Protein backbone atom coordinates (compact mmCIF):
# COMPACT_ATOMS: atom_id res chain seq x y z
CA MET A 1 -19.72 1.56 31.55
CA ILE A 2 -19.60 4.69 29.12
CA LYS A 3 -17.12 6.24 31.55
CA ARG A 4 -14.86 3.47 31.72
CA ILE A 5 -14.45 3.89 27.76
CA ILE A 6 -14.04 7.78 28.07
CA ASN A 7 -12.23 7.46 29.74
CA ASN A 8 -9.70 4.86 28.12
CA ILE A 9 -9.55 6.97 25.16
CA ALA A 10 -6.34 9.09 25.12
CA LEU A 11 -6.41 12.33 26.27
CA ASP A 12 -4.21 14.01 22.87
CA LYS A 13 -7.34 11.90 20.56
CA LYS A 14 -10.89 14.21 23.10
CA ASP A 15 -8.70 17.59 21.94
CA HIS A 16 -8.56 16.68 18.37
CA VAL A 17 -12.17 15.16 18.52
CA LEU A 18 -12.23 18.08 19.77
CA LEU A 19 -11.12 19.89 17.20
CA GLY A 20 -12.61 18.73 14.79
CA MET A 21 -16.19 20.37 16.10
CA SER A 22 -14.71 23.32 16.70
CA VAL A 23 -13.32 23.64 13.09
CA GLY A 24 -16.55 21.36 11.38
CA TYR A 25 -19.26 22.68 13.93
CA PRO A 26 -19.03 26.52 12.47
CA LEU A 27 -18.36 25.78 8.49
CA MET A 28 -21.00 23.55 8.25
CA ILE A 29 -23.83 25.45 9.95
CA LEU A 30 -22.37 28.83 8.51
CA GLY A 31 -22.64 25.91 4.68
CA PHE A 32 -26.35 25.23 6.57
CA VAL A 33 -27.09 29.47 6.59
CA ILE A 34 -26.01 30.18 2.72
CA ASP A 35 -27.54 26.41 1.75
CA GLN A 36 -31.50 28.37 3.59
CA ILE A 37 -30.64 31.55 1.63
CA TYR A 38 -29.37 31.30 -1.05
CA ASN A 39 -31.81 27.43 -2.05
CA VAL A 40 -29.33 25.76 -2.47
CA ASP A 41 -27.56 22.13 -1.07
CA PHE A 42 -24.58 21.98 -1.09
CA MET A 43 -23.11 24.53 1.29
CA LEU A 44 -22.59 22.35 4.08
CA VAL A 45 -21.02 19.44 2.18
CA SER A 46 -18.80 21.75 1.19
CA GLY A 47 -18.00 23.26 4.94
CA ALA A 48 -17.57 19.12 6.15
CA ILE A 49 -14.83 18.77 3.09
CA ALA A 50 -13.21 21.95 4.23
CA GLY A 51 -13.27 20.99 7.91
CA VAL A 52 -11.62 18.11 6.48
CA VAL A 53 -9.16 19.46 4.88
CA ILE A 54 -8.32 22.21 7.08
CA VAL A 55 -7.54 19.36 10.16
CA ALA A 56 -5.70 17.21 7.12
CA LEU A 57 -3.94 19.97 6.89
CA LYS A 58 -3.05 20.37 10.61
CA GLU A 59 -1.37 16.50 10.13
CA ILE A 60 0.49 17.81 7.89
CA VAL A 61 2.53 20.60 7.45
CA TYR A 62 2.08 21.50 11.86
CA ASP A 63 2.10 18.31 12.15
CA TRP A 64 5.18 16.11 9.99
CA TYR A 65 6.44 19.48 8.07
CA LEU A 66 7.24 22.04 10.55
CA GLY A 67 8.26 19.04 13.15
CA LYS A 68 6.43 20.56 15.90
CA GLY A 69 3.66 17.43 16.98
CA ASN A 70 3.87 13.78 16.30
CA PRO A 71 1.75 12.52 13.09
CA GLU A 72 -0.90 10.02 13.34
CA LEU A 73 -3.64 8.84 10.84
CA ALA A 74 -5.55 7.94 14.37
CA ASP A 75 -5.01 12.33 15.01
CA PHE A 76 -6.07 12.77 11.45
CA LEU A 77 -9.32 9.99 11.79
CA TYR A 78 -10.08 11.33 15.58
CA SER A 79 -10.77 15.26 13.77
CA ALA A 80 -12.53 14.97 10.99
CA LEU A 81 -15.29 11.61 12.60
CA PRO A 82 -17.56 14.53 14.03
CA ILE A 83 -17.54 16.24 11.12
CA LEU A 84 -18.66 13.08 9.24
CA PHE A 85 -20.40 12.14 11.88
CA SER A 86 -22.95 14.92 11.13
CA LEU A 87 -22.76 15.29 7.74
CA ILE A 88 -24.23 11.92 7.52
CA MET A 89 -26.88 12.76 10.56
CA TYR A 90 -27.85 15.28 7.74
CA LYS A 91 -28.04 13.47 5.44
CA ILE A 92 -29.84 11.21 6.83
């Protein structure tokens, strides 16, 4: 059943999930390391916000402004959701 659900997701959307993970996770890990070194608790959130902003800018600048892609809200959501889910799970 899960395999069927995953197979029904468009390949483009799967690519956007991977984009979100490859952009957001390293920034969040860097933020976590900075949080641990300096004993603060906001750099991981800052890394997550930076990741969401980067994937939003990809849709706005690369796809819409430069016309090199197809700007879609769904593409942004598929890119941002892995970052936001990770942030929510960390904060719980």
